[in-house]
Structures are given as structure tokens and as C-alpha cells.
Amino acid sequence: MKSEELYREERLIRRARAIVDRTLSEISHKGLYGREAWSLYRDAREKVLAMFPDKKDAFKLIYWPRFSRVIWENMLRELDLASVEDISF
């Protein structure tokens, strides 16, 4: 049987993932890469860190690579600088 605290933390983790996934989806589908993309990133980060205030480093380690990849790919597509498939991260 799970303790109430563990159940609450799992629920918060699912909510944090949902926030990040929705934000990444919006950035990707709209092709955002400038200020608007970074603003959405900051909003998502603030929401997640409000739930886990002591996990700033974990957020950066887990989610920063995903956000930067999506935003970078959108920028390359928009500027037609290179095929995304030709770029390795």
C-alpha cells in the first residue's frame, strides 16, 4: 500500500510531465523559436518549480535538453539553414 505522501508526489510528477509535454508540443507544432518559445519555456519551468521548489537542477538536467532541441530544430527549419536530419546534437 502506497503512503499518501508517495501518492501525492507521483501525482505531482505526472502533472509536471504533462505541463512540459504540452509546452513542448505547442512550441513544436507552432514552430516557435524566439522570445515566444523561451517565454513558454520559462512559464513551464516556473509551474513545475512551484510544485518542486528544490528541484531546479533536476529540471535543468531532465528537461532543458528537450526544450533546447525542439527550439533549435524550429529555428533551423524557419531560417532554412540546414536540414534538421543533417545536424547531430
C-alpha atoms as a PDB file:
ATOM      1  CA  MET A   1       0.000   0.000   0.000  1.00  0.00           C
ATOM      2  CA  LYS A   2       1.367   3.392  -1.017  1.00  0.00           C
ATOM      3  CA  SER A   3       1.623   6.088   1.521  1.00  0.00           C
ATOM      4  CA  GLU A   4      -0.366   9.268   0.950  1.00  0.00           C
ATOM      5  CA  GLU A   5       2.866  11.247   0.562  1.00  0.00           C
ATOM      6  CA  LEU A   6       4.178   8.947  -2.154  1.00  0.00           C
ATOM      7  CA  TYR A   7       0.847   9.075  -3.981  1.00  0.00           C
ATOM      8  CA  ARG A   8       0.861  12.898  -3.812  1.00  0.00           C
ATOM      9  CA  GLU A   9       4.424  13.072  -5.182  1.00  0.00           C
ATOM     10  CA  GLU A  10       3.601  10.703  -8.058  1.00  0.00           C
ATOM     11  CA  ARG A  11       0.586  12.846  -8.915  1.00  0.00           C
ATOM     12  CA  LEU A  12       2.770  15.966  -8.943  1.00  0.00           C
ATOM     13  CA  ILE A  13       5.320  14.242 -11.179  1.00  0.00           C
ATOM     14  CA  ARG A  14       2.588  13.303 -13.664  1.00  0.00           C
ATOM     15  CA  ARG A  15       1.319  16.890 -13.621  1.00  0.00           C
ATOM     16  CA  ALA A  16       4.846  18.222 -14.207  1.00  0.00           C
ATOM     17  CA  ARG A  17       5.328  15.867 -17.163  1.00  0.00           C
ATOM     18  CA  ALA A  18       2.004  16.969 -18.607  1.00  0.00           C
ATOM     19  CA  ILE A  19       2.981  20.634 -18.325  1.00  0.00           C
ATOM     20  CA  VAL A  20       6.302  20.018 -20.043  1.00  0.00           C
ATOM     21  CA  ASP A  21       4.811  17.777 -22.736  1.00  0.00           C
ATOM     22  CA  ARG A  22       2.045  20.279 -23.562  1.00  0.00           C
ATOM     23  CA  THR A  23       4.530  23.124 -23.714  1.00  0.00           C
ATOM     24  CA  LEU A  24       6.924  21.196 -25.955  1.00  0.00           C
ATOM     25  CA  SER A  25       4.047  20.207 -28.199  1.00  0.00           C
ATOM     26  CA  GLU A  26       2.909  23.810 -28.531  1.00  0.00           C
ATOM     27  CA  ILE A  27       6.431  25.028 -29.295  1.00  0.00           C
ATOM     28  CA  SER A  28       6.949  22.260 -31.838  1.00  0.00           C
ATOM     29  CA  HIS A  29       3.589  22.486 -33.623  1.00  0.00           C
ATOM     30  CA  LYS A  30       3.681  26.267 -33.861  1.00  0.00           C
ATOM     31  CA  GLY A  31       7.318  26.252 -34.974  1.00  0.00           C
ATOM     32  CA  LEU A  32       8.326  28.689 -32.230  1.00  0.00           C
ATOM     33  CA  TYR A  33      11.969  29.513 -31.633  1.00  0.00           C
ATOM     34  CA  GLY A  34      12.313  33.104 -30.425  1.00  0.00           C
ATOM     35  CA  ARG A  35      11.063  35.031 -27.476  1.00  0.00           C
ATOM     36  CA  GLU A  36       7.695  33.333 -27.559  1.00  0.00           C
ATOM     37  CA  ALA A  37       9.294  29.876 -27.265  1.00  0.00           C
ATOM     38  CA  TRP A  38      11.544  30.957 -24.402  1.00  0.00           C
ATOM     39  CA  SER A  39       8.596  32.599 -22.678  1.00  0.00           C
ATOM     40  CA  LEU A  40       6.655  29.331 -22.834  1.00  0.00           C
ATOM     41  CA  TYR A  41       9.730  27.500 -21.511  1.00  0.00           C
ATOM     42  CA  ARG A  42      10.023  29.907 -18.565  1.00  0.00           C
ATOM     43  CA  ASP A  43       6.311  29.597 -17.797  1.00  0.00           C
ATOM     44  CA  ALA A  44       6.524  25.796 -17.779  1.00  0.00           C
ATOM     45  CA  ARG A  45       9.665  25.892 -15.636  1.00  0.00           C
ATOM     46  CA  GLU A  46       8.013  28.207 -13.109  1.00  0.00           C
ATOM     47  CA  LYS A  47       4.931  25.990 -12.874  1.00  0.00           C
ATOM     48  CA  VAL A  48       6.999  22.851 -12.343  1.00  0.00           C
ATOM     49  CA  LEU A  49       9.342  24.508  -9.849  1.00  0.00           C
ATOM     50  CA  ALA A  50       6.349  25.799  -7.899  1.00  0.00           C
ATOM     51  CA  MET A  51       5.465  22.139  -7.324  1.00  0.00           C
ATOM     52  CA  PHE A  52       9.101  21.093  -6.711  1.00  0.00           C
ATOM     53  CA  PRO A  53      10.943  24.201  -5.466  1.00  0.00           C
ATOM     54  CA  ASP A  54      14.124  22.332  -4.551  1.00  0.00           C
ATOM     55  CA  LYS A  55      14.475  20.602  -7.941  1.00  0.00           C
ATOM     56  CA  LYS A  56      15.816  23.419 -10.125  1.00  0.00           C
ATOM     57  CA  ASP A  57      18.938  21.455 -11.070  1.00  0.00           C
ATOM     58  CA  ALA A  58      16.898  18.327 -11.796  1.00  0.00           C
ATOM     59  CA  PHE A  59      14.561  20.313 -14.041  1.00  0.00           C
ATOM     60  CA  LYS A  60      17.522  21.673 -15.977  1.00  0.00           C
ATOM     61  CA  LEU A  61      19.119  18.242 -16.272  1.00  0.00           C
ATOM     62  CA  ILE A  62      15.930  16.431 -17.332  1.00  0.00           C
ATOM     63  CA  TYR A  63      14.008  18.967 -19.408  1.00  0.00           C
ATOM     64  CA  TRP A  64      16.492  21.536 -20.728  1.00  0.00           C
ATOM     65  CA  PRO A  65      17.858  19.187 -23.440  1.00  0.00           C
ATOM     66  CA  ARG A  66      14.339  18.513 -24.747  1.00  0.00           C
ATOM     67  CA  PHE A  67      13.390  22.185 -24.862  1.00  0.00           C
ATOM     68  CA  SER A  68      16.644  23.296 -26.457  1.00  0.00           C
ATOM     69  CA  ARG A  69      16.436  20.564 -29.116  1.00  0.00           C
ATOM     70  CA  VAL A  70      12.875  21.468 -30.130  1.00  0.00           C
ATOM     71  CA  ILE A  71      13.580  25.196 -30.198  1.00  0.00           C
ATOM     72  CA  TRP A  72      16.836  24.689 -32.126  1.00  0.00           C
ATOM     73  CA  GLU A  73      15.111  22.476 -34.695  1.00  0.00           C
ATOM     74  CA  ASN A  74      12.357  25.046 -35.163  1.00  0.00           C
ATOM     75  CA  MET A  75      14.905  27.807 -35.693  1.00  0.00           C
ATOM     76  CA  LEU A  76      16.798  25.782 -38.281  1.00  0.00           C
ATOM     77  CA  ARG A  77      13.593  24.972 -40.145  1.00  0.00           C
ATOM     78  CA  GLU A  78      12.389  28.571 -40.103  1.00  0.00           C
ATOM     79  CA  LEU A  79      15.692  30.006 -41.241  1.00  0.00           C
ATOM     80  CA  ASP A  80      16.231  27.165 -43.703  1.00  0.00           C
ATOM     81  CA  LEU A  81      19.854  26.970 -42.590  1.00  0.00           C
ATOM     82  CA  ALA A  82      20.183  23.219 -42.695  1.00  0.00           C
ATOM     83  CA  SER A  83      18.194  20.079 -42.771  1.00  0.00           C
ATOM     84  CA  VAL A  84      17.459  19.040 -39.202  1.00  0.00           C
ATOM     85  CA  GLU A  85      18.437  15.494 -40.093  1.00  0.00           C
ATOM     86  CA  ASP A  86      21.947  16.725 -41.012  1.00  0.00           C
ATOM     87  CA  ILE A  87      22.520  18.207 -37.563  1.00  0.00           C
ATOM     88  CA  SER A  88      23.669  15.985 -34.738  1.00  0.00           C
ATOM     89  CA  PHE A  89      23.172  17.058 -31.148  1.00  0.00           C
END
